[in-house]
Amino acid sequence: MIGKTIGKYTLTRLIGQGGMASVYEAKHDMLGTRVAIKILNPILSSNLQVKERFINEAKIMASLEHPNITKVIDFDEQSEQLSIVMEYLNGEDLNAKIKTNGPLPTEVIIDIFSQTLAAFQYAHEHGIVHRDVKPSNIFILTNGQVKILDFGIAKLFGQGMEMTQTGTQIGTPSYMSPEQVKAEKYIDHRSDIYALGVTLFCAASGAPPYDSSINSHYSILNKIVIEPLPALATNVAFQPIISKACQKNRELRYQSCNEFVTFLSRVRFEQTEVNFNIPHHSHNQQRVNTEPPVIPMEPVKKKQPLTLMIGAAAAVILIAVGVIYWNNSSKEPTQVSVTENTSGKGNNGTVDDGVVKPYGDEKPTDNNGNNNTNGKRQGKDEKPPVKPEDKPTDDAAKIKALEKEIENLEADLKKTNDKINKLVDNRDAATKNGDRDKEQAYEMEVDRLVNKERKPKAKKIGEKKTELKKLKERQQQ
């Protein structure tokens, strides 16, 4: 097929091949632009039902104009050959991305599925059900833009256009909804929502919920109808969202992709320390937990009684020695010298006008009673008093001050959380009323409060509580 001309295009490379069709890269003969051409398997061209599906895919994709849905450029029909000419996509599908990277980061998942859900919301609003949603049909361009592929078994619902009969299963087993497994006659957009939930599970866990290498086809279909999906081991914040999307009863699932993406966006708040507890069977948004974050305090180890007794005894001995040394070295003795005074002028200044003065107030003298001009008393040099050690830091006062500071910070954080709660309520009301501008405005303000106010405040509280814990441990030592 390489080098073959289809319309104005020449096939240059095989991109992929399946049982129903092959996809080639091609180049416009005059403009040189690249396209992708999907060619129906010639063997199936004579099958009227398959042929009808292929033409139906081209018509559906051509009717959809959305940035996240692959564009159809042209359709070509030759003898035993049907071809759909589509825009060329450079990147990888979600299945390949998961196989390469394993479980995807939360932000990457939210980005991919926000675009994916927007595309399916648009398709559903136009009455189109994809019916074969899976990772390989979600393509990610090199710039991060998502494109939905393969509407080959899509159908219009609610308009009497049924291309299958009751009892016929359509879809990829692991991603089929219970109603598809049971081959119910009426399949609506909520089957796509179920499959999107399973696809989200695959992106969050790194693998499909059912391993086809160890489970039989019958076993997988049976699990889909009877058993809930396995629990996530990674990216557990997505668990309640997946559980809601994959309810066996479609009336209990998200009823639209808009509702789905609203709950999905809340996972981002959890990643910025705002706790949303999303219920499985309720459409009402849970409010932000206004309680301040709790930093676990490690218990202070108690010292053994014997260790305490030894430490106390050593402390008493040291104190006693210190007192004795202080008295001997820095405290001067008080001596009184009384001499009969007949002149009234005093003798050596010890008695003056009948007032007895302590020896320490006299001028120093030598052994002959003369003034000692060097300022030292005979027989003993004055030593500067020993300055006692500074008192230890008052940890109790610091602890009290820290506890008060933490209390004020937590009160301030609660006010911020209350603001976020009010904005979330307003945003949900705008979503319900279809006011996209207000919804986006509230969303931006919530993001600002979370990142600029709540997150720094929560971090500061954590730091202060860590400091408090250390002080309390030191106080107990």
Protein backbone atom coordinates (compact mmCIF):
# COMPACT_ATOMS: atom_id res chain seq x y z
CA MET A 1 0.00 0.00 0.00
CA ILE A 2 2.96 2.38 0.56
CA GLY A 3 3.20 4.70 -2.46
CA LYS A 4 -0.42 4.14 -3.43
CA THR A 5 -2.51 7.22 -4.25
CA ILE A 6 -5.89 7.82 -2.63
CA GLY A 7 -7.56 10.88 -4.04
CA LYS A 8 -5.00 13.69 -3.84
CA TYR A 9 -2.85 11.90 -1.25
CA THR A 10 0.04 9.43 -1.49
CA LEU A 11 0.51 6.87 1.30
CA THR A 12 3.97 7.23 2.90
CA ARG A 13 3.91 5.13 6.11
CA LEU A 14 1.81 2.60 8.02
CA ILE A 15 0.85 4.06 11.41
CA GLY A 16 -1.26 1.23 12.81
CA GLN A 17 -3.29 -1.78 11.84
CA GLY A 18 -6.33 -3.55 13.28
CA GLY A 19 -8.81 -6.20 12.29
CA MET A 20 -11.25 -3.71 10.82
CA ALA A 21 -8.98 -1.07 9.28
CA SER A 22 -5.43 0.22 8.82
CA VAL A 23 -4.21 3.79 9.32
CA TYR A 24 -1.54 5.32 7.09
CA GLU A 25 0.35 8.58 7.05
CA ALA A 26 -0.06 10.31 3.68
CA LYS A 27 1.03 13.51 1.95
CA HIS A 28 -1.00 15.85 -0.21
CA ASP A 29 0.41 15.67 -3.77
CA MET A 30 0.40 19.43 -4.32
CA LEU A 31 0.49 21.08 -0.88
CA GLY A 32 2.75 18.56 0.83
CA THR A 33 0.63 18.61 3.98
CA ARG A 34 0.42 15.44 6.07
CA VAL A 35 -2.81 13.61 6.86
CA ALA A 36 -3.86 10.28 8.34
CA ILE A 37 -5.96 7.98 6.17
CA LYS A 38 -8.01 5.18 7.69
CA ILE A 39 -8.65 2.43 5.10
CA LEU A 40 -11.27 -0.25 5.66
CA ASN A 41 -10.01 -3.81 5.33
CA PRO A 42 -10.89 -4.82 1.73
CA ILE A 43 -12.19 -8.18 2.95
CA LEU A 44 -14.85 -6.38 4.99
CA SER A 45 -15.90 -4.00 2.23
CA SER A 46 -18.47 -6.47 0.98
CA ASN A 47 -20.05 -6.72 4.44
CA LEU A 48 -22.91 -4.24 4.29
CA GLN A 49 -23.17 -3.78 8.06
CA VAL A 50 -19.43 -3.11 8.46
CA LYS A 51 -19.49 -0.80 5.47
CA GLU A 52 -22.40 1.08 6.96
CA ARG A 53 -20.56 1.48 10.26
CA PHE A 54 -17.47 2.81 8.52
CA ILE A 55 -19.45 5.39 6.57
CA ASN A 56 -21.34 6.25 9.77
CA GLU A 57 -18.04 6.95 11.55
CA ALA A 58 -16.97 9.35 8.81
CA LYS A 59 -20.28 11.20 8.94
CA ILE A 60 -20.29 11.46 12.74
CA MET A 61 -16.71 12.73 12.98
CA ALA A 62 -17.29 15.20 10.15
CA SER A 63 -20.32 16.57 11.99
CA LEU A 64 -18.38 17.24 15.20
CA GLU A 65 -16.33 20.40 15.46
CA HIS A 66 -14.50 20.35 18.78
CA PRO A 67 -10.82 20.96 19.59
CA ASN A 68 -10.60 17.59 21.36
CA ILE A 69 -12.17 15.48 18.60
CA THR A 70 -10.18 14.40 15.55
CA LYS A 71 -11.22 16.28 12.41
CA VAL A 72 -12.35 14.48 9.27
CA ILE A 73 -11.06 16.19 6.13
CA ASP A 74 -12.42 13.99 3.35
CA PHE A 75 -13.93 10.62 2.44
CA ASP A 76 -12.93 8.47 -0.53
CA GLU A 77 -14.74 5.47 -2.01
CA GLN A 78 -13.20 3.29 -4.72
CA SER A 79 -13.84 -0.24 -5.85
CA GLU A 80 -13.78 -2.38 -2.68
CA GLN A 81 -11.98 0.37 -0.78
CA LEU A 82 -13.36 2.95 1.65
CA SER A 83 -11.10 5.58 3.18
CA ILE A 84 -11.49 8.35 5.77
CA VAL A 85 -9.02 11.24 5.47
CA MET A 86 -8.31 12.79 8.87
CA GLU A 87 -5.98 15.36 10.42
CA TYR A 88 -2.51 13.99 11.19
CA LEU A 89 -1.76 13.65 14.91
CA ASN A 90 1.75 13.67 16.36
CA GLY A 91 2.05 12.16 19.82
CA GLU A 92 0.93 8.97 21.56
CA ASP A 93 -2.30 7.45 22.75
CA LEU A 94 -3.12 7.12 26.45
CA ASN A 95 -2.59 3.35 26.39
CA ALA A 96 1.02 3.78 25.19
CA LYS A 97 1.61 6.55 27.73
CA ILE A 98 0.44 4.34 30.60
CA LYS A 99 2.54 1.40 29.42
CA THR A 100 5.62 3.65 29.30
CA ASN A 101 5.09 5.54 32.58
CA GLY A 102 2.86 3.34 34.73
CA PRO A 103 0.42 5.22 37.02
CA LEU A 104 0.26 8.81 35.85
CA PRO A 105 0.72 11.85 38.15
CA THR A 106 -2.46 13.41 39.50
CA GLU A 107 -2.09 16.68 37.59
CA VAL A 108 -1.47 14.85 34.31
CA ILE A 109 -4.57 12.71 34.83
CA ILE A 110 -6.73 15.74 35.63
CA ASP A 111 -5.46 17.59 32.56
CA ILE A 112 -6.06 14.66 30.18
CA PHE A 113 -9.49 13.78 31.54
CA SER A 114 -10.70 17.37 31.75
CA GLN A 115 -10.17 17.66 27.99
CA THR A 116 -11.54 14.16 27.36
CA LEU A 117 -14.72 14.82 29.32
CA ALA A 118 -15.21 18.14 27.50
CA ALA A 119 -15.08 16.29 24.18
CA PHE A 120 -17.56 13.64 25.27
CA GLN A 121 -19.90 16.22 26.78
CA TYR A 122 -19.96 17.90 23.37
CA ALA A 123 -20.57 14.59 21.56
CA HIS A 124 -23.35 13.59 23.97
CA GLU A 125 -25.03 16.97 23.57
CA HIS A 126 -25.13 16.19 19.84
CA GLY A 127 -26.77 12.83 20.54
CA ILE A 128 -23.67 10.69 19.89
CA VAL A 129 -22.51 7.76 22.05
CA HIS A 130 -18.99 6.53 21.34
CA ARG A 131 -19.48 3.01 22.82
CA ASP A 132 -15.80 2.08 22.59
CA VAL A 133 -14.09 4.41 25.06
CA LYS A 134 -10.67 3.09 26.11
CA PRO A 135 -7.10 4.43 26.54
CA SER A 136 -6.06 3.63 22.97
CA ASN A 137 -8.85 5.89 21.65
CA ILE A 138 -7.61 8.90 23.64
CA PHE A 139 -4.67 10.49 21.83
CA ILE A 140 -2.32 13.05 23.45
CA LEU A 141 -0.45 15.41 21.15
CA THR A 142 3.10 16.53 21.92
CA ASN A 143 1.73 19.87 23.19
CA GLY A 144 -0.62 18.09 25.65
CA GLN A 145 -3.82 18.54 23.65
CA VAL A 146 -6.19 15.56 23.71
CA LYS A 147 -7.93 14.15 20.63
CA ILE A 148 -10.65 11.49 20.70
CA LEU A 149 -10.30 8.76 18.06
CA ASP A 150 -12.39 6.00 16.49
CA PHE A 151 -16.12 6.60 16.38
CA GLY A 152 -16.39 3.37 14.41
CA ILE A 153 -19.13 1.83 16.55
CA ALA A 154 -20.66 5.11 17.71
CA LYS A 155 -24.36 5.63 17.29
CA LEU A 156 -26.99 8.31 17.61
CA PHE A 157 -29.23 7.79 20.62
CA GLY A 158 -32.74 9.07 21.14
CA GLN A 159 -33.32 9.42 17.39
CA GLY A 160 -34.26 5.86 16.45
CA MET A 161 -30.90 5.11 14.81
CA GLU A 162 -30.08 1.66 16.13
CA MET A 163 -27.32 -0.23 14.33
CA THR A 164 -27.31 -3.28 16.60
CA GLN A 165 -29.86 -5.82 17.63
CA THR A 166 -30.69 -6.93 21.16
CA GLY A 167 -28.24 -9.69 22.17
CA THR A 168 -25.26 -8.19 20.30
CA GLN A 169 -22.28 -7.05 22.39
CA ILE A 170 -20.40 -4.01 21.11
CA GLY A 171 -17.18 -2.65 22.68
CA THR A 172 -13.87 -3.72 24.22
CA PRO A 173 -14.58 -6.22 27.06
CA SER A 174 -12.66 -4.63 29.97
CA TYR A 175 -14.20 -1.20 29.28
CA MET A 176 -17.76 -2.28 28.53
CA SER A 177 -20.60 -1.15 30.79
CA PRO A 178 -22.89 -3.71 32.46
CA GLU A 179 -25.69 -2.79 30.03
CA GLN A 180 -23.35 -3.40 27.08
CA VAL A 181 -22.32 -6.77 28.53
CA LYS A 182 -25.98 -7.71 28.89
CA ALA A 183 -26.54 -6.45 25.34
CA GLU A 184 -29.47 -4.30 26.31
CA LYS A 185 -31.33 -2.69 23.43
CA TYR A 186 -31.08 0.90 24.66
CA ILE A 187 -27.52 2.11 25.23
CA ASP A 188 -27.13 5.79 26.09
CA HIS A 189 -24.34 8.22 26.96
CA ARG A 190 -23.99 6.80 30.48
CA SER A 191 -22.24 3.78 29.00
CA ASP A 192 -19.50 6.15 27.88
CA ILE A 193 -19.36 7.57 31.41
CA TYR A 194 -18.85 4.05 32.79
CA ALA A 195 -16.06 3.38 30.29
CA LEU A 196 -14.45 6.72 31.14
CA GLY A 197 -14.44 5.67 34.80
CA VAL A 198 -12.65 2.43 33.89
CA THR A 199 -10.20 4.40 31.73
CA LEU A 200 -9.55 6.71 34.68
CA PHE A 201 -8.85 3.63 36.81
CA CYS A 202 -6.30 2.48 34.23
CA ALA A 203 -4.53 5.87 34.21
CA ALA A 204 -4.48 6.06 38.03
CA SER A 205 -3.34 2.46 38.64
CA GLY A 206 -1.20 1.85 35.55
CA ALA A 207 -3.23 -1.18 34.39
CA PRO A 208 -6.81 -2.17 33.50
CA PRO A 209 -8.98 -3.46 36.36
CA TYR A 210 -9.16 -6.92 34.76
CA ASP A 211 -6.14 -8.81 33.49
CA SER A 212 -7.11 -10.58 30.27
CA SER A 213 -3.97 -12.72 30.45
CA ILE A 214 -5.25 -14.55 33.55
CA ASN A 215 -9.02 -13.95 33.31
CA SER A 216 -11.19 -15.51 30.65
CA HIS A 217 -13.51 -13.43 28.49
CA TYR A 218 -16.50 -14.87 30.36
CA SER A 219 -14.90 -14.15 33.75
CA ILE A 220 -14.28 -10.48 32.87
CA LEU A 221 -17.84 -9.97 31.63
CA ASN A 222 -19.19 -11.64 34.76
CA LYS A 223 -17.12 -9.36 37.01
CA ILE A 224 -18.37 -6.28 35.15
CA VAL A 225 -22.00 -7.22 35.82
CA ILE A 226 -21.63 -8.48 39.41
CA GLU A 227 -18.46 -7.21 41.14
CA PRO A 228 -17.31 -3.65 41.85
CA LEU A 229 -14.02 -2.52 40.36
CA PRO A 230 -10.90 -3.35 42.42
CA ALA A 231 -9.71 -0.66 44.83
CA LEU A 232 -6.89 1.64 43.75
CA ALA A 233 -3.47 1.12 45.35
CA THR A 234 -2.13 4.43 43.97
CA ASN A 235 -3.75 7.81 43.27
CA VAL A 236 -6.42 6.86 45.80
CA ALA A 237 -7.95 10.36 45.64
CA PHE A 238 -9.64 9.21 42.41
CA GLN A 239 -11.28 6.18 44.07
CA PRO A 240 -14.65 7.78 44.98
CA ILE A 241 -14.88 9.37 41.52
CA ILE A 242 -14.25 6.03 39.77
CA SER A 243 -16.72 4.25 42.07
CA LYS A 244 -19.40 6.80 41.23
CA ALA A 245 -18.77 6.67 37.46
CA CYS A 246 -18.76 2.85 37.44
CA GLN A 247 -21.95 2.13 39.33
CA LYS A 248 -23.72 -0.96 37.99
CA ASN A 249 -26.99 0.97 37.91
CA ARG A 250 -26.55 3.80 35.40
CA GLU A 251 -29.04 5.93 37.33
CA LEU A 252 -26.47 6.13 40.15
CA ARG A 253 -23.57 7.21 37.92
CA TYR A 254 -22.69 10.75 36.97
CA GLN A 255 -25.49 11.78 34.66
CA SER A 256 -23.28 13.92 32.44
CA CYS A 257 -19.61 14.52 31.69
CA ASN A 258 -19.98 18.03 33.08
CA GLU A 259 -20.93 16.55 36.43
CA PHE A 260 -18.04 14.08 36.13
CA VAL A 261 -15.46 16.81 35.50
CA THR A 262 -16.80 18.94 38.36
CA PHE A 263 -15.95 16.20 40.85
CA LEU A 264 -12.68 15.46 39.08
CA SER A 265 -11.53 19.07 39.51
CA ARG A 266 -11.88 18.75 43.27
CA VAL A 267 -9.02 16.28 43.41
CA ARG A 268 -6.75 19.24 42.60
CA PHE A 269 -7.94 20.94 45.80
CA GLU A 270 -7.02 17.82 47.79
CA GLN A 271 -3.51 18.02 46.33
CA THR A 272 -3.27 21.58 47.72
CA GLU A 273 -4.26 20.46 51.21
CA VAL A 274 -7.98 21.18 50.94
CA ASN A 275 -9.85 18.04 51.91
CA PHE A 276 -12.92 17.19 49.84
CA ASN A 277 -14.77 14.04 50.86
CA ILE A 278 -16.67 13.07 47.70
CA PRO A 279 -19.67 10.77 48.33
CA HIS A 280 -20.42 7.84 46.06
CA HIS A 281 -24.13 8.43 45.69
CA SER A 282 -24.59 12.17 46.03
CA HIS A 283 -24.34 15.01 43.57
CA ASN A 284 -23.79 17.60 46.30
CA GLN A 285 -20.29 18.91 46.75
CA GLN A 286 -18.73 18.38 50.14
CA ARG A 287 -17.40 21.49 51.78
CA VAL A 288 -13.82 22.14 52.73
CA ASN A 289 -12.79 20.69 56.07
CA THR A 290 -12.35 23.84 58.16
CA GLU A 291 -10.46 22.08 60.91
CA PRO A 292 -6.76 23.04 60.87
CA PRO A 293 -4.27 20.37 59.82
CA VAL A 294 -3.11 18.22 62.71
CA ILE A 295 0.59 17.52 63.04
CA PRO A 296 1.05 14.23 64.90
CA MET A 297 3.01 14.69 68.12
CA GLU A 298 5.37 11.92 69.03
CA PRO A 299 4.98 10.81 72.65
CA VAL A 300 7.78 11.94 74.94
CA LYS A 301 9.66 8.99 76.33
CA LYS A 302 9.53 8.84 80.14
CA LYS A 303 12.80 8.39 81.97
CA GLN A 304 13.20 5.39 84.27
CA PRO A 305 12.80 6.10 88.05
CA LEU A 306 16.40 5.04 88.85
CA THR A 307 17.75 7.44 86.22
CA LEU A 308 15.71 10.28 87.70
CA MET A 309 16.95 9.57 91.25
CA ILE A 310 20.61 9.52 90.19
CA GLY A 311 20.18 12.72 88.20
CA ALA A 312 18.45 14.47 91.12
CA ALA A 313 21.20 13.46 93.59
CA ALA A 314 23.92 14.72 91.25
CA ALA A 315 22.10 18.02 90.85
CA VAL A 316 21.86 18.52 94.67
CA ILE A 317 25.57 17.85 95.12
CA LEU A 318 26.52 20.30 92.36
CA ILE A 319 24.29 22.99 93.85
CA ALA A 320 25.77 22.53 97.34
CA VAL A 321 29.34 22.74 96.05
CA GLY A 322 28.48 25.85 94.08
CA VAL A 323 26.99 27.58 97.14
CA ILE A 324 30.03 26.81 99.31
CA TYR A 325 32.42 28.04 96.63
CA TRP A 326 30.44 31.23 96.15
CA ASN A 327 30.40 32.05 99.88
CA ASN A 328 34.14 31.46 100.25
CA SER A 329 35.22 33.36 97.18
CA SER A 330 32.98 36.33 96.78
CA LYS A 331 31.34 37.19 100.07
CA GLU A 332 33.57 39.38 102.36
CA PRO A 333 33.35 38.94 106.15
CA THR A 334 31.79 41.70 108.20
CA GLN A 335 34.02 42.69 111.14
CA VAL A 336 33.51 45.47 113.65
CA SER A 337 36.41 47.35 115.33
CA VAL A 338 35.47 49.57 118.25
CA THR A 339 38.12 51.92 119.68
CA GLU A 340 37.66 54.43 122.43
CA ASN A 341 37.47 57.81 120.82
CA THR A 342 38.61 60.75 122.88
CA SER A 343 39.11 63.18 120.07
CA GLY A 344 35.77 62.71 118.37
CA LYS A 345 37.47 62.28 115.02
CA GLY A 346 37.52 58.50 115.00
CA ASN A 347 40.33 56.01 114.81
CA ASN A 348 41.14 54.55 111.41
CA GLY A 349 37.66 55.52 110.43
CA THR A 350 36.05 52.60 112.26
CA VAL A 351 34.02 54.66 114.68
CA ASP A 352 32.79 58.09 113.74
CA ASP A 353 30.48 60.08 115.99
CA GLY A 354 29.36 56.92 117.77
CA VAL A 355 28.44 55.12 114.55
CA VAL A 356 29.95 51.70 114.20
CA LYS A 357 30.96 50.91 110.62
CA PRO A 358 31.80 47.50 109.18
CA TYR A 359 35.36 46.66 108.43
CA GLY A 360 34.61 46.57 104.78
CA ASP A 361 34.00 50.33 104.84
CA GLU A 362 37.47 51.11 106.16
CA LYS A 363 40.43 52.06 104.04
CA PRO A 364 42.80 49.13 103.73
CA THR A 365 45.86 49.27 106.05
CA ASP A 366 49.07 47.33 106.41
CA ASN A 367 50.34 45.56 109.54
CA ASN A 368 51.56 48.88 111.04
CA GLY A 369 48.20 50.57 110.70
CA ASN A 370 49.25 52.64 107.69
CA ASN A 371 47.00 53.09 104.70
CA ASN A 372 47.55 50.46 102.07
CA THR A 373 47.63 52.52 98.89
CA ASN A 374 47.52 49.59 96.52
CA GLY A 375 43.86 49.07 97.35
CA LYS A 376 44.34 45.53 98.71
CA ARG A 377 43.84 44.26 102.20
CA GLN A 378 46.91 42.74 103.92
CA GLY A 379 47.20 39.02 103.53
CA LYS A 380 44.44 38.60 100.95
CA ASP A 381 43.95 40.01 97.46
CA GLU A 382 40.46 40.95 96.42
CA LYS A 383 39.00 38.67 93.78
CA PRO A 384 36.17 39.71 91.50
CA PRO A 385 32.96 37.96 92.46
CA VAL A 386 32.15 34.87 90.48
CA LYS A 387 29.21 35.62 88.20
CA PRO A 388 26.62 32.87 88.37
CA GLU A 389 25.62 31.23 85.09
CA ASP A 390 22.71 32.70 83.24
CA LYS A 391 19.40 31.09 84.05
CA PRO A 392 18.14 28.52 81.51
CA THR A 393 15.63 29.71 78.90
CA ASP A 394 12.12 29.78 80.23
CA ASP A 395 10.66 27.02 78.02
CA ALA A 396 7.31 27.17 79.78
CA ALA A 397 6.81 30.79 78.71
CA LYS A 398 7.83 29.99 75.15
CA ILE A 399 5.45 27.03 75.03
CA LYS A 400 2.57 29.19 76.22
CA ALA A 401 3.37 31.87 73.63
CA LEU A 402 3.62 29.29 70.83
CA GLU A 403 0.32 27.70 71.77
CA LYS A 404 -1.35 31.10 71.65
CA GLU A 405 0.26 31.86 68.26
CA ILE A 406 -0.89 28.50 66.84
CA GLU A 407 -4.42 29.17 68.13
CA ASN A 408 -4.50 32.52 66.30
CA LEU A 409 -3.08 30.99 63.10
CA GLU A 410 -5.69 28.22 63.15
CA ALA A 411 -8.48 30.75 63.65
CA ASP A 412 -7.16 32.68 60.64
CA LEU A 413 -6.97 29.47 58.59
CA LYS A 414 -10.57 28.66 59.46
CA LYS A 415 -11.65 32.04 58.08
CA THR A 416 -9.82 31.27 54.82
CA ASN A 417 -11.52 27.85 54.60
CA ASP A 418 -14.89 29.49 55.17
CA LYS A 419 -14.19 31.83 52.25
CA ILE A 420 -13.28 28.83 50.06
CA ASN A 421 -16.49 27.05 51.09
CA LYS A 422 -18.59 30.04 50.08
CA LEU A 423 -16.83 30.35 46.74
CA VAL A 424 -17.28 26.63 46.06
CA ASP A 425 -21.01 26.99 46.73
CA ASN A 426 -21.20 29.96 44.37
CA ARG A 427 -19.23 28.11 41.71
CA ASP A 428 -21.53 25.09 41.90
CA ALA A 429 -24.56 27.35 41.61
CA ALA A 430 -23.04 28.97 38.52
CA THR A 431 -22.34 25.51 37.04
CA LYS A 432 -25.92 24.46 37.67
CA ASN A 433 -27.23 27.64 36.01
CA GLY A 434 -24.94 27.19 33.02
CA ASP A 435 -23.10 30.47 33.69
CA ARG A 436 -19.65 29.49 32.46
CA ASP A 437 -18.07 32.94 33.00
CA LYS A 438 -19.04 33.08 36.66
CA GLU A 439 -18.04 29.47 37.15
CA GLN A 440 -14.54 30.17 35.82
CA ALA A 441 -14.24 33.35 37.89
CA TYR A 442 -15.14 31.52 41.10
CA GLU A 443 -12.80 28.67 40.14
CA MET A 444 -9.89 31.09 39.71
CA GLU A 445 -10.58 32.76 43.05
CA VAL A 446 -10.72 29.38 44.80
CA ASP A 447 -7.37 28.43 43.26
CA ARG A 448 -5.90 31.76 44.38
CA LEU A 449 -7.09 31.34 47.96
CA VAL A 450 -5.84 27.77 48.13
CA ASN A 451 -2.37 28.51 46.75
CA LYS A 452 -1.75 32.03 48.08
CA GLU A 453 -3.42 31.85 51.48
CA ARG A 454 -4.46 28.45 52.73
CA LYS A 455 -1.39 26.49 51.72
CA PRO A 456 1.15 28.97 53.25
CA LYS A 457 -0.95 29.25 56.42
CA ALA A 458 -1.21 25.49 56.81
CA LYS A 459 2.54 25.19 56.26
CA LYS A 460 3.26 27.81 58.93
CA ILE A 461 0.98 26.04 61.41
CA GLY A 462 2.84 22.82 60.74
CA GLU A 463 6.19 24.51 61.38
CA LYS A 464 4.97 26.08 64.62
CA LYS A 465 3.58 22.77 65.86
CA THR A 466 6.88 21.08 65.11
CA GLU A 467 8.67 23.79 67.11
CA LEU A 468 6.17 23.33 69.96
CA LYS A 469 6.77 19.58 69.98
CA LYS A 470 10.53 20.07 70.32
CA LEU A 471 10.10 22.52 73.19
CA LYS A 472 7.85 20.13 75.06
CA GLU A 473 10.31 17.31 74.58
CA ARG A 474 13.13 19.47 75.92
CA GLN A 475 11.03 20.49 78.91
CA GLN A 476 10.46 16.84 79.81
CA GLN A 477 14.17 16.01 79.76
